[in-house]
Amino acid sequence: MLHFRPRLAIAVMTTMLLASTSAFAATPANTLVMAKNIDDMISLDPAEAYELSGIEVDANIYDRIVRIDAKDPTKIEPGVAESWTVSEDGKTFTFKIRAGMKFASGDPITAEDAAFSLQRVIKLDKTPAFLISQLGWTKDNVDQMVKVVDPSTLQITIAPPFSPSLVLSLLSSIVGSVVEKQTVMQHDQSGDLGNAWLKAHSAGSGSFSLRSWQANESVVLDANPNYREGEPKLKRVVIRHVPEPASQRLMIEKGDADIARDLSPDQIAGLSGNKDVAISVSPQATLHYVGLNVAHKPLDDVRVRQALHYLVDYDGMVNSFLKGQDQVHQTFWPSGFWASLDEKEYKFDPAKAKELLTAAGYPNGLELSLDAANSSPYINIAQSIQASMAQGGVKVTIIPAEQKTLLTKYRARQHQMLLVYWGPDYMDPHTNADSFARNTDNSDNPATKPLAWRNSWLIPDISKMTEAAVEERDLAKREQDYKDLQKKVMDEGPFIIMFQEIKQTAERSNVKGFLLGPASDVVLYGETTK
């Protein structure tokens, strides 16, 4: 994801909300005003959006063929398609489109719209296209593999022998959004399939439609009266670009915003006595971990890697400067999702670490470098790791850098230890297993470069386990396959997975029903009231 930090915009964002450029007005009763940093937003075309803020907005202006149940992310639920069947060989999926369903324009949704939407993703070939191109779809074959049977029936065919549960998870991602073909093609420019227009307009059937988007200022959404689950209670949602957390806190305290999304733990704590503000907590899918490059001795020794696990003060960090921001999690698939393994095998134990280091031939300890972003909370985590590892005889030198510099170094495999984060692209464990638990080509320039490759961990046998799991059609067996993989990577892998992120949101006490799911595509405004 790309991150930008432009200057704070103080201009009027919508005349309905602000009386002047120098003073905030109380929020209207039928409007939700949200203070949030949205400087990452590049496009609202669901075939192109790959930044967190854009995906979140799209989740509210488009319905998808199927979708993740935001209240129970272990489940896939119907979306534009009310039902589906899978052929005996697992290669053909037939979806029944809901009868009577309409776009925000009032026009009916048909299988033609659904087919066009998927075909369009492949033909545009923007950043998120890989999510469904892995089904074997290309610009040359997608019209044959994604087709209309009749106005209410969509049929897709896949090439690889993927588990049906994975295919449905891929279709539940933001690229599974259904756009209105007629409206989009009316704005086609030189064969761009309406992309230039759809960047800042909408043609969907979600709970809201897009009224306006002014970059680094605001997004304004209007309630969709044709939404299949009923028109939202609030007529409008205004997302104001407020990059400074201190400004967000001031707005939520004064009532100038109904929701503040980016407050620090200290600011959250400072609101604890305010009876007009409530704090909601939602575990996220983002993980924080240390990558260990096994190309460097002594990190090639599994006993050394296990020793380093015992030299991290997990509980100490989440009970101090990470309090309310992270929870301890040590496997590659986050807690709360289907097939997650919640074992916490490691705790801070210098004596156990020294025992393992001695067995590995390092009774007098060793020295290592740790690359870390020079921003909070990463530099704080790095300093804690430095202090706790010293208690086990491991001297750690921290190498701070900007996040983009850090990631460039990581992708080039030039680190020893490196502190970083990871988030899934869709809600199926394969998205993480395919990177943490697969590497069959450890050359300098392989076809793909998963996280295992970045840490020089060549694992042909574990890779076979990953490949088998993605093809397993028995859901219970597939779940166990991923739990076995998580245990294997935790015990042997070059990753010290430490934390799962938690989001804390400040809401005015009259706000109810705002749904902050574990990922950006399950943050929903449609049930919110005030």
Protein backbone atom coordinates (compact mmCIF):
# COMPACT_ATOMS: atom_id res chain seq x y z
CA MET A 1 0.00 0.00 0.00
CA LEU A 2 1.14 3.57 -0.69
CA HIS A 3 1.15 6.21 2.00
CA PHE A 4 1.31 9.97 1.52
CA ARG A 5 1.43 12.89 3.93
CA PRO A 6 0.23 16.08 2.21
CA ARG A 7 -0.49 19.25 4.14
CA LEU A 8 -3.66 19.38 6.22
CA ALA A 9 -6.54 20.76 4.18
CA ILE A 10 -8.58 23.35 6.11
CA ALA A 11 -10.87 24.44 3.30
CA VAL A 12 -14.63 24.01 3.37
CA MET A 13 -15.42 20.39 2.54
CA THR A 14 -19.12 20.55 2.09
CA THR A 15 -21.41 23.55 2.45
CA MET A 16 -24.01 21.47 4.23
CA LEU A 17 -21.57 20.87 7.09
CA LEU A 18 -19.47 23.99 7.39
CA ALA A 19 -20.63 27.57 7.68
CA SER A 20 -17.16 28.99 7.05
CA THR A 21 -13.53 27.92 6.60
CA SER A 22 -12.69 28.82 10.16
CA ALA A 23 -15.34 27.09 12.25
CA PHE A 24 -16.95 23.69 12.42
CA ALA A 25 -20.72 23.25 12.56
CA ALA A 26 -22.61 20.62 14.53
CA THR A 27 -23.23 17.51 12.48
CA PRO A 28 -26.72 17.24 10.96
CA ALA A 29 -29.02 14.62 12.49
CA ASN A 30 -29.30 12.64 9.25
CA THR A 31 -25.58 12.75 8.40
CA LEU A 32 -22.64 10.73 9.71
CA VAL A 33 -19.41 12.72 9.80
CA MET A 34 -16.23 10.70 10.06
CA ALA A 35 -12.73 12.11 10.67
CA LYS A 36 -10.15 9.90 8.97
CA ASN A 37 -6.86 10.09 7.14
CA ILE A 38 -7.79 9.30 3.53
CA ASP A 39 -4.61 10.50 1.81
CA ASP A 40 -3.99 6.99 0.45
CA MET A 41 -7.04 7.12 -1.82
CA ILE A 42 -6.12 6.92 -5.51
CA SER A 43 -9.17 5.47 -7.25
CA LEU A 44 -12.70 4.35 -6.44
CA ASP A 45 -12.97 2.04 -9.43
CA PRO A 46 -13.33 -1.39 -7.75
CA ALA A 47 -11.23 -2.91 -10.54
CA GLU A 48 -8.38 -0.61 -9.54
CA ALA A 49 -8.73 0.33 -5.86
CA TYR A 50 -5.98 -1.30 -3.79
CA GLU A 51 -5.51 1.26 -1.04
CA LEU A 52 -7.26 0.80 2.28
CA SER A 53 -9.42 3.95 2.19
CA GLY A 54 -10.58 3.37 -1.38
CA ILE A 55 -11.45 -0.26 -0.68
CA GLU A 56 -13.47 0.80 2.39
CA VAL A 57 -15.52 3.33 0.44
CA ASP A 58 -16.09 0.82 -2.38
CA ALA A 59 -17.35 -1.72 0.16
CA ASN A 60 -20.21 0.69 0.85
CA ILE A 61 -21.07 1.75 -2.70
CA TYR A 62 -20.85 -1.70 -4.34
CA ASP A 63 -22.36 -5.05 -3.54
CA ARG A 64 -20.24 -8.08 -4.47
CA ILE A 65 -21.17 -11.37 -6.08
CA VAL A 66 -20.62 -12.96 -2.68
CA ARG A 67 -19.19 -11.34 0.42
CA ILE A 68 -17.63 -11.95 3.79
CA ASP A 69 -20.06 -11.86 6.70
CA ALA A 70 -18.76 -8.74 8.47
CA LYS A 71 -20.12 -9.96 11.81
CA ASP A 72 -18.58 -13.42 11.39
CA PRO A 73 -15.61 -13.29 9.00
CA THR A 74 -15.32 -17.09 9.04
CA LYS A 75 -18.37 -17.22 6.73
CA ILE A 76 -19.13 -16.38 3.10
CA GLU A 77 -22.63 -15.05 2.56
CA PRO A 78 -24.75 -14.29 -0.53
CA GLY A 79 -24.37 -10.91 -2.18
CA VAL A 80 -25.64 -10.05 -5.64
CA ALA A 81 -25.83 -13.82 -6.10
CA GLU A 82 -28.42 -15.36 -3.80
CA SER A 83 -27.17 -18.93 -4.32
CA TRP A 84 -24.58 -20.98 -6.19
CA THR A 85 -23.67 -24.53 -7.14
CA VAL A 86 -20.31 -26.14 -7.88
CA SER A 87 -19.74 -28.87 -10.46
CA GLU A 88 -18.51 -32.27 -9.34
CA ASP A 89 -14.99 -31.58 -10.59
CA GLY A 90 -14.89 -28.22 -8.75
CA LYS A 91 -14.14 -26.27 -11.93
CA THR A 92 -17.52 -24.69 -12.78
CA PHE A 93 -19.49 -22.36 -10.51
CA THR A 94 -23.05 -21.33 -11.34
CA PHE A 95 -24.49 -18.28 -9.57
CA LYS A 96 -28.16 -17.29 -9.40
CA ILE A 97 -28.58 -13.49 -9.40
CA ARG A 98 -31.16 -12.13 -6.95
CA ALA A 99 -34.52 -11.38 -8.53
CA GLY A 100 -35.67 -7.77 -8.39
CA MET A 101 -32.34 -6.37 -7.26
CA LYS A 102 -31.52 -2.87 -8.55
CA PHE A 103 -28.58 -0.55 -8.92
CA ALA A 104 -28.68 2.86 -7.27
CA SER A 105 -29.80 4.18 -10.66
CA GLY A 106 -32.97 2.08 -10.38
CA ASP A 107 -32.05 -0.26 -13.24
CA PRO A 108 -32.13 -4.03 -12.61
CA ILE A 109 -28.99 -6.05 -11.93
CA THR A 110 -28.49 -8.91 -14.37
CA ALA A 111 -25.98 -11.68 -14.94
CA GLU A 112 -24.63 -9.56 -17.78
CA ASP A 113 -23.58 -6.88 -15.27
CA ALA A 114 -21.90 -9.47 -13.04
CA ALA A 115 -20.04 -11.10 -15.94
CA PHE A 116 -18.96 -7.72 -17.33
CA SER A 117 -17.63 -6.70 -13.91
CA LEU A 118 -15.34 -9.73 -13.59
CA GLN A 119 -14.24 -9.59 -17.23
CA ARG A 120 -13.47 -5.90 -16.82
CA VAL A 121 -11.09 -6.55 -13.91
CA ILE A 122 -9.02 -8.93 -16.05
CA LYS A 123 -9.07 -6.72 -19.16
CA LEU A 124 -8.06 -3.57 -17.27
CA ASP A 125 -5.31 -5.54 -15.48
CA LYS A 126 -4.89 -3.04 -12.66
CA THR A 127 -3.09 -3.86 -9.40
CA PRO A 128 -5.80 -6.05 -7.76
CA ALA A 129 -6.44 -8.11 -10.93
CA PHE A 130 -4.11 -10.83 -9.61
CA LEU A 131 -6.76 -11.75 -7.06
CA ILE A 132 -8.88 -13.41 -9.75
CA SER A 133 -6.36 -13.87 -12.57
CA GLN A 134 -4.97 -16.75 -10.50
CA LEU A 135 -8.18 -18.59 -11.43
CA GLY A 136 -6.63 -19.01 -14.85
CA TRP A 137 -8.37 -16.02 -16.43
CA THR A 138 -6.60 -13.91 -19.05
CA LYS A 139 -7.64 -11.13 -21.43
CA ASP A 140 -7.83 -13.75 -24.17
CA ASN A 141 -9.99 -16.33 -22.38
CA VAL A 142 -12.03 -14.47 -19.75
CA ASP A 143 -15.04 -13.95 -22.03
CA GLN A 144 -15.27 -17.73 -22.44
CA MET A 145 -14.54 -18.58 -18.78
CA VAL A 146 -16.92 -15.96 -17.34
CA LYS A 147 -20.21 -16.03 -19.20
CA VAL A 148 -23.94 -15.41 -19.02
CA VAL A 149 -26.26 -18.43 -19.13
CA ASP A 150 -29.45 -16.35 -18.96
CA PRO A 151 -30.36 -12.94 -17.46
CA SER A 152 -30.36 -14.36 -13.92
CA THR A 153 -27.55 -16.92 -14.21
CA LEU A 154 -23.77 -16.32 -14.19
CA GLN A 155 -21.35 -19.18 -14.82
CA ILE A 156 -17.60 -19.13 -14.26
CA THR A 157 -14.98 -21.78 -15.02
CA ILE A 158 -11.57 -21.95 -13.34
CA ALA A 159 -8.39 -23.59 -14.60
CA PRO A 160 -6.50 -24.65 -11.43
CA PRO A 161 -7.97 -27.28 -9.08
CA PHE A 162 -8.60 -24.77 -6.30
CA SER A 163 -10.81 -25.51 -3.32
CA PRO A 164 -14.29 -24.02 -3.84
CA SER A 165 -13.94 -22.17 -0.53
CA LEU A 166 -10.90 -20.33 -1.89
CA VAL A 167 -12.69 -19.41 -5.13
CA LEU A 168 -15.59 -17.93 -3.17
CA SER A 169 -13.18 -15.99 -0.95
CA LEU A 170 -11.52 -14.49 -4.02
CA LEU A 171 -14.90 -13.45 -5.42
CA SER A 172 -15.78 -11.88 -2.08
CA SER A 173 -12.83 -9.48 -2.37
CA ILE A 174 -13.35 -5.96 -3.71
CA VAL A 175 -12.76 -7.06 -7.33
CA GLY A 176 -15.97 -9.10 -7.02
CA SER A 177 -17.95 -5.82 -6.93
CA VAL A 178 -20.73 -5.63 -9.51
CA VAL A 179 -20.82 -2.45 -11.60
CA GLU A 180 -23.64 -1.34 -13.88
CA LYS A 181 -22.45 -2.16 -17.39
CA GLN A 182 -24.64 0.30 -19.25
CA THR A 183 -23.65 3.29 -17.12
CA VAL A 184 -19.97 2.40 -17.10
CA MET A 185 -19.76 1.90 -20.87
CA GLN A 186 -21.50 5.21 -21.49
CA HIS A 187 -18.32 6.72 -20.06
CA ASP A 188 -15.84 4.57 -21.96
CA GLN A 189 -12.92 6.64 -23.20
CA SER A 190 -10.72 5.10 -25.90
CA GLY A 191 -11.43 1.59 -24.71
CA ASP A 192 -10.75 2.18 -20.98
CA LEU A 193 -14.03 0.47 -19.99
CA GLY A 194 -15.05 3.57 -18.07
CA ASN A 195 -12.00 3.50 -15.79
CA ALA A 196 -11.22 7.23 -15.96
CA TRP A 197 -14.82 8.10 -15.07
CA LEU A 198 -15.27 5.41 -12.41
CA LYS A 199 -12.22 6.62 -10.48
CA ALA A 200 -14.38 9.38 -9.00
CA HIS A 201 -17.96 8.24 -9.73
CA SER A 202 -20.01 5.20 -8.82
CA ALA A 203 -22.26 2.75 -10.60
CA GLY A 204 -23.12 0.24 -7.91
CA SER A 205 -25.82 -1.25 -5.74
CA GLY A 206 -24.36 -0.89 -2.25
CA SER A 207 -25.93 0.88 0.69
CA PHE A 208 -24.64 4.25 -0.54
CA SER A 209 -23.72 5.94 -3.81
CA LEU A 210 -20.90 8.41 -4.36
CA ARG A 211 -21.91 12.08 -4.41
CA SER A 212 -18.39 13.48 -4.52
CA TRP A 213 -14.75 12.81 -3.81
CA GLN A 214 -12.30 15.69 -3.46
CA ALA A 215 -8.78 14.33 -3.05
CA ASN A 216 -7.30 15.04 0.38
CA GLU A 217 -10.48 16.83 1.42
CA SER A 218 -13.60 14.69 1.66
CA VAL A 219 -15.77 11.87 0.39
CA VAL A 220 -19.54 12.39 0.42
CA LEU A 221 -21.93 9.44 0.07
CA ASP A 222 -25.72 9.46 -0.35
CA ALA A 223 -28.03 6.70 0.88
CA ASN A 224 -29.16 4.28 -1.84
CA PRO A 225 -32.97 3.95 -1.67
CA ASN A 226 -32.76 0.78 -3.78
CA TYR A 227 -30.37 -1.09 -1.50
CA ARG A 228 -31.46 -4.71 -1.18
CA GLU A 229 -31.26 -4.69 2.63
CA GLY A 230 -33.27 -1.48 2.88
CA GLU A 231 -32.36 2.18 2.58
CA PRO A 232 -29.87 3.26 5.29
CA LYS A 233 -31.30 5.24 8.20
CA LEU A 234 -28.75 8.01 7.65
CA LYS A 235 -29.15 9.94 4.41
CA ARG A 236 -25.52 10.90 4.04
CA VAL A 237 -22.00 9.96 5.10
CA VAL A 238 -19.20 12.52 4.98
CA ILE A 239 -15.64 11.29 5.42
CA ARG A 240 -13.43 14.28 6.15
CA HIS A 241 -9.71 14.05 5.49
CA VAL A 242 -8.14 14.86 8.85
CA PRO A 243 -4.59 13.47 8.88
CA GLU A 244 -3.64 14.77 12.33
CA PRO A 245 -4.88 12.54 15.20
CA ALA A 246 -4.85 15.54 17.55
CA SER A 247 -7.30 17.34 15.25
CA GLN A 248 -9.48 14.23 15.12
CA ARG A 249 -9.59 14.10 18.91
CA LEU A 250 -10.61 17.76 19.11
CA MET A 251 -13.39 17.18 16.60
CA ILE A 252 -14.81 14.15 18.41
CA GLU A 253 -14.71 15.97 21.76
CA LYS A 254 -16.48 19.05 20.40
CA GLY A 255 -19.05 17.03 18.45
CA ASP A 256 -17.80 18.26 15.09
CA ALA A 257 -17.29 14.61 14.08
CA ASP A 258 -19.38 11.58 14.95
CA ILE A 259 -16.49 9.10 14.54
CA ALA A 260 -12.68 9.49 14.76
CA ARG A 261 -10.68 6.68 13.19
CA ASP A 262 -6.96 7.33 13.73
CA LEU A 263 -6.41 8.18 17.38
CA SER A 264 -3.28 7.08 19.22
CA PRO A 265 -3.47 4.93 22.40
CA ASP A 266 -2.67 8.02 24.49
CA GLN A 267 -5.51 9.96 22.88
CA ILE A 268 -7.88 7.04 23.36
CA ALA A 269 -6.90 6.90 27.03
CA GLY A 270 -7.48 10.64 27.31
CA LEU A 271 -11.08 10.18 26.21
CA SER A 272 -11.85 7.51 28.80
CA GLY A 273 -13.65 9.90 31.14
CA ASN A 274 -15.72 11.59 28.47
CA LYS A 275 -19.33 10.42 28.81
CA ASP A 276 -20.15 11.75 25.33
CA VAL A 277 -17.60 9.52 23.60
CA ALA A 278 -17.48 5.71 23.44
CA ILE A 279 -14.50 3.61 22.35
CA SER A 280 -15.05 0.51 20.24
CA VAL A 281 -12.41 -2.17 19.74
CA SER A 282 -12.02 -4.42 16.69
CA PRO A 283 -9.24 -6.97 16.03
CA GLN A 284 -7.76 -6.55 12.56
CA ALA A 285 -6.12 -8.97 10.16
CA THR A 286 -2.75 -7.16 10.14
CA LEU A 287 0.22 -8.98 11.71
CA HIS A 288 3.52 -7.57 13.00
CA TYR A 289 6.54 -9.86 12.74
CA VAL A 290 10.33 -10.06 12.49
CA GLY A 291 11.74 -11.72 9.38
CA LEU A 292 14.95 -13.72 9.90
CA ASN A 293 17.13 -14.08 6.81
CA VAL A 294 18.44 -17.64 6.99
CA ALA A 295 21.09 -16.84 4.38
CA HIS A 296 23.01 -15.30 7.30
CA LYS A 297 24.58 -17.50 9.94
CA PRO A 298 23.58 -18.25 12.62
CA LEU A 299 19.96 -17.69 11.53
CA ASP A 300 20.17 -20.79 9.36
CA ASP A 301 20.04 -22.88 12.56
CA VAL A 302 16.46 -23.57 13.67
CA ARG A 303 17.62 -23.69 17.31
CA VAL A 304 18.85 -20.11 17.04
CA ARG A 305 15.57 -19.01 15.48
CA GLN A 306 13.63 -20.68 18.29
CA ALA A 307 15.90 -19.06 20.87
CA LEU A 308 15.11 -15.63 19.43
CA HIS A 309 11.40 -16.36 19.83
CA TYR A 310 12.00 -16.76 23.55
CA LEU A 311 13.78 -13.38 23.71
CA VAL A 312 10.77 -11.26 22.78
CA ASP A 313 8.72 -9.77 25.62
CA TYR A 314 5.34 -10.16 23.93
CA ASP A 315 3.19 -9.53 27.01
CA GLY A 316 5.38 -6.70 28.23
CA MET A 317 4.82 -4.75 25.02
CA VAL A 318 1.05 -5.29 24.73
CA ASN A 319 0.64 -4.33 28.37
CA SER A 320 2.59 -1.09 27.99
CA PHE A 321 3.13 1.04 24.86
CA LEU A 322 1.07 -1.25 22.61
CA LYS A 323 -1.84 -1.50 25.03
CA GLY A 324 -5.13 -1.47 23.17
CA GLN A 325 -3.30 -1.40 19.84
CA ASP A 326 -2.14 -5.01 19.46
CA GLN A 327 -2.75 -8.47 20.89
CA VAL A 328 -0.24 -11.32 21.10
CA HIS A 329 -0.53 -13.66 18.10
CA GLN A 330 2.18 -16.04 16.89
CA THR A 331 0.91 -17.80 13.75
CA PHE A 332 0.65 -16.59 10.16
CA TRP A 333 -3.18 -16.57 9.93
CA PRO A 334 -4.87 -14.04 12.23
CA SER A 335 -7.19 -14.96 15.05
CA GLY A 336 -10.93 -14.77 14.44
CA PHE A 337 -10.82 -16.17 10.91
CA TRP A 338 -11.63 -19.61 9.57
CA ALA A 339 -8.71 -22.03 10.07
CA SER A 340 -6.75 -19.76 12.41
CA LEU A 341 -4.47 -21.41 14.97
CA ASP A 342 -4.37 -19.41 18.19
CA GLU A 343 -1.55 -21.26 19.96
CA LYS A 344 0.89 -19.05 21.84
CA GLU A 345 3.90 -21.34 22.03
CA TYR A 346 6.48 -18.74 23.01
CA LYS A 347 6.86 -16.41 25.96
CA PHE A 348 9.77 -14.35 27.22
CA ASP A 349 12.19 -16.91 28.70
CA PRO A 350 15.91 -15.92 28.59
CA ALA A 351 16.98 -19.13 30.34
CA LYS A 352 15.32 -21.28 27.68
CA ALA A 353 16.86 -19.10 24.97
CA LYS A 354 20.38 -19.49 26.41
CA GLU A 355 19.89 -23.25 26.56
CA LEU A 356 19.01 -23.35 22.86
CA LEU A 357 21.86 -21.01 21.90
CA THR A 358 24.34 -23.17 23.79
CA ALA A 359 23.06 -26.30 22.03
CA ALA A 360 23.50 -24.48 18.71
CA GLY A 361 27.14 -23.65 19.57
CA TYR A 362 26.72 -20.08 20.80
CA PRO A 363 27.18 -20.28 24.60
CA ASN A 364 28.57 -16.73 24.67
CA GLY A 365 25.72 -15.24 22.69
CA LEU A 366 25.85 -13.53 19.30
CA GLU A 367 25.36 -10.24 17.46
CA LEU A 368 22.62 -9.38 14.96
CA SER A 369 21.20 -6.33 13.19
CA LEU A 370 17.50 -5.40 13.14
CA ASP A 371 16.03 -3.18 10.44
CA ALA A 372 12.96 -1.23 11.58
CA ALA A 373 10.87 1.70 10.45
CA ASN A 374 11.81 4.91 12.25
CA SER A 375 8.16 5.63 13.09
CA SER A 376 5.88 4.57 15.93
CA PRO A 377 5.16 1.86 16.93
CA TYR A 378 7.92 0.06 14.99
CA ILE A 379 10.90 1.85 16.52
CA ASN A 380 9.41 1.27 19.99
CA ILE A 381 8.97 -2.45 19.27
CA ALA A 382 12.54 -2.63 17.96
CA GLN A 383 13.92 -1.00 21.10
CA SER A 384 11.98 -3.46 23.28
CA ILE A 385 13.37 -6.38 21.24
CA GLN A 386 16.87 -4.96 21.57
CA ALA A 387 16.53 -4.75 25.36
CA SER A 388 14.93 -8.18 25.85
CA MET A 389 17.35 -10.01 23.54
CA ALA A 390 20.28 -8.54 25.46
CA GLN A 391 19.06 -10.52 28.48
CA GLY A 392 19.70 -13.71 26.51
CA GLY A 393 23.15 -12.69 25.32
CA VAL A 394 22.07 -11.45 21.89
CA LYS A 395 23.38 -7.99 21.04
CA VAL A 396 21.05 -6.29 18.58
CA THR A 397 21.97 -3.23 16.52
CA ILE A 398 18.90 -1.34 15.29
CA ILE A 399 19.05 0.09 11.75
CA PRO A 400 16.22 2.66 11.47
CA ALA A 401 14.86 3.77 8.09
CA GLU A 402 11.76 5.07 6.35
CA GLN A 403 9.20 2.38 5.59
CA LYS A 404 9.77 2.52 1.81
CA THR A 405 13.54 2.12 2.28
CA LEU A 406 12.97 -0.76 4.65
CA LEU A 407 10.68 -2.59 2.22
CA THR A 408 13.14 -2.12 -0.65
CA LYS A 409 15.86 -3.71 1.47
CA TYR A 410 13.54 -6.56 2.48
CA ARG A 411 12.57 -7.31 -1.12
CA ALA A 412 16.26 -7.47 -2.01
CA ARG A 413 17.02 -9.88 0.88
CA GLN A 414 19.69 -7.58 2.28
CA HIS A 415 18.67 -7.82 5.94
CA GLN A 416 19.53 -10.04 8.89
CA MET A 417 16.45 -9.34 11.02
CA LEU A 418 13.70 -6.99 9.86
CA LEU A 419 10.57 -5.74 11.63
CA VAL A 420 7.57 -5.33 9.36
CA TYR A 421 3.82 -5.93 8.97
CA TRP A 422 1.63 -8.10 6.73
CA GLY A 423 -2.07 -8.07 5.90
CA PRO A 424 -4.12 -10.50 3.78
CA ASP A 425 -5.60 -9.61 0.40
CA TYR A 426 -8.70 -11.76 0.93
CA MET A 427 -10.24 -13.75 3.76
CA ASP A 428 -8.85 -17.22 3.05
CA PRO A 429 -5.74 -18.66 4.74
CA HIS A 430 -4.18 -19.40 1.36
CA THR A 431 -3.43 -15.69 0.89
CA ASN A 432 -0.95 -15.88 3.81
CA ALA A 433 0.14 -19.51 3.45
CA ASP A 434 1.12 -18.83 -0.15
CA SER A 435 3.73 -16.35 1.12
CA PHE A 436 4.78 -17.55 4.59
CA ALA A 437 4.81 -21.26 3.70
CA ARG A 438 5.88 -21.54 0.07
CA ASN A 439 9.27 -21.24 -1.62
CA THR A 440 10.54 -23.76 -4.16
CA ASP A 441 12.99 -21.49 -5.99
CA ASN A 442 15.57 -19.69 -3.86
CA SER A 443 17.44 -18.17 -6.80
CA ASP A 444 17.95 -14.42 -7.01
CA ASN A 445 15.17 -13.86 -9.52
CA PRO A 446 12.40 -16.47 -9.26
CA ALA A 447 8.98 -16.14 -10.88
CA THR A 448 7.45 -15.17 -7.54
CA LYS A 449 9.01 -13.78 -4.38
CA PRO A 450 6.96 -14.82 -1.33
CA LEU A 451 7.95 -13.92 2.22
CA ALA A 452 9.68 -17.29 2.64
CA TRP A 453 11.87 -16.34 -0.33
CA ARG A 454 12.60 -12.91 1.13
CA ASN A 455 14.05 -14.71 4.14
CA SER A 456 15.93 -17.27 1.99
CA TRP A 457 13.92 -20.17 3.41
CA LEU A 458 13.88 -22.93 0.76
CA ILE A 459 11.06 -25.33 1.70
CA PRO A 460 10.05 -27.77 -1.06
CA ASP A 461 8.29 -30.14 1.36
CA ILE A 462 6.32 -27.43 3.18
CA SER A 463 5.48 -25.88 -0.19
CA LYS A 464 3.88 -29.18 -1.19
CA MET A 465 1.74 -29.00 1.95
CA THR A 466 0.62 -25.49 0.91
CA GLU A 467 -0.19 -26.64 -2.63
CA ALA A 468 -2.19 -29.59 -1.28
CA ALA A 469 -4.16 -27.36 1.11
CA VAL A 470 -5.31 -25.00 -1.64
CA GLU A 471 -6.68 -27.91 -3.66
CA GLU A 472 -8.38 -29.77 -0.78
CA ARG A 473 -12.14 -29.83 -1.30
CA ASP A 474 -13.04 -31.37 2.07
CA LEU A 475 -13.50 -28.25 4.20
CA ALA A 476 -12.66 -29.89 7.53
CA LYS A 477 -9.53 -31.47 6.08
CA ARG A 478 -8.52 -28.19 4.47
CA GLU A 479 -8.93 -26.38 7.79
CA GLN A 480 -6.65 -28.89 9.51
CA ASP A 481 -4.12 -28.58 6.68
CA TYR A 482 -3.77 -24.87 7.36
CA LYS A 483 -3.51 -25.36 11.10
CA ASP A 484 -0.72 -27.90 10.50
CA LEU A 485 1.04 -25.41 8.25
CA GLN A 486 0.78 -22.66 10.86
CA LYS A 487 2.28 -24.95 13.51
CA LYS A 488 5.08 -25.98 11.14
CA VAL A 489 5.99 -22.40 10.29
CA MET A 490 5.82 -21.30 13.94
CA ASP A 491 8.20 -24.10 15.00
CA GLU A 492 10.65 -24.02 12.09
CA GLY A 493 10.16 -20.86 10.09
CA PRO A 494 12.19 -17.63 9.80
CA PHE A 495 9.42 -15.50 11.25
CA ILE A 496 8.91 -14.22 14.80
CA ILE A 497 5.21 -13.42 14.49
CA MET A 498 4.33 -11.33 17.52
CA PHE A 499 1.14 -9.30 17.28
CA GLN A 500 -2.22 -8.92 15.62
CA GLU A 501 -3.36 -5.34 15.26
CA ILE A 502 -6.41 -3.94 17.06
CA LYS A 503 -8.31 -0.87 15.91
CA GLN A 504 -9.77 1.50 18.48
CA THR A 505 -12.44 3.86 17.22
CA ALA A 506 -13.88 6.86 19.04
CA GLU A 507 -17.61 7.40 18.49
CA ARG A 508 -20.02 9.94 19.88
CA SER A 509 -22.27 8.17 22.36
CA ASN A 510 -25.35 8.57 20.14
CA VAL A 511 -23.74 6.64 17.27
CA LYS A 512 -24.91 3.03 16.97
CA GLY A 513 -24.36 0.29 14.42
CA PHE A 514 -21.10 1.42 12.82
CA LEU A 515 -19.48 -1.84 11.75
CA LEU A 516 -15.69 -1.91 11.80
CA GLY A 517 -14.73 -5.33 10.49
CA PRO A 518 -11.26 -6.90 10.52
CA ALA A 519 -10.29 -5.60 7.07
CA SER A 520 -11.04 -2.50 5.00
CA ASP A 521 -13.59 -4.28 2.78
CA VAL A 522 -15.75 -5.15 5.80
CA VAL A 523 -16.09 -1.64 7.27
CA LEU A 524 -19.77 -0.91 6.72
CA TYR A 525 -21.83 2.25 7.27
CA GLY A 526 -25.27 0.99 6.22
CA GLU A 527 -26.57 0.03 9.67
CA THR A 528 -25.29 3.15 11.43
CA THR A 529 -27.75 5.36 13.28
CA LYS A 530 -27.41 8.41 15.54
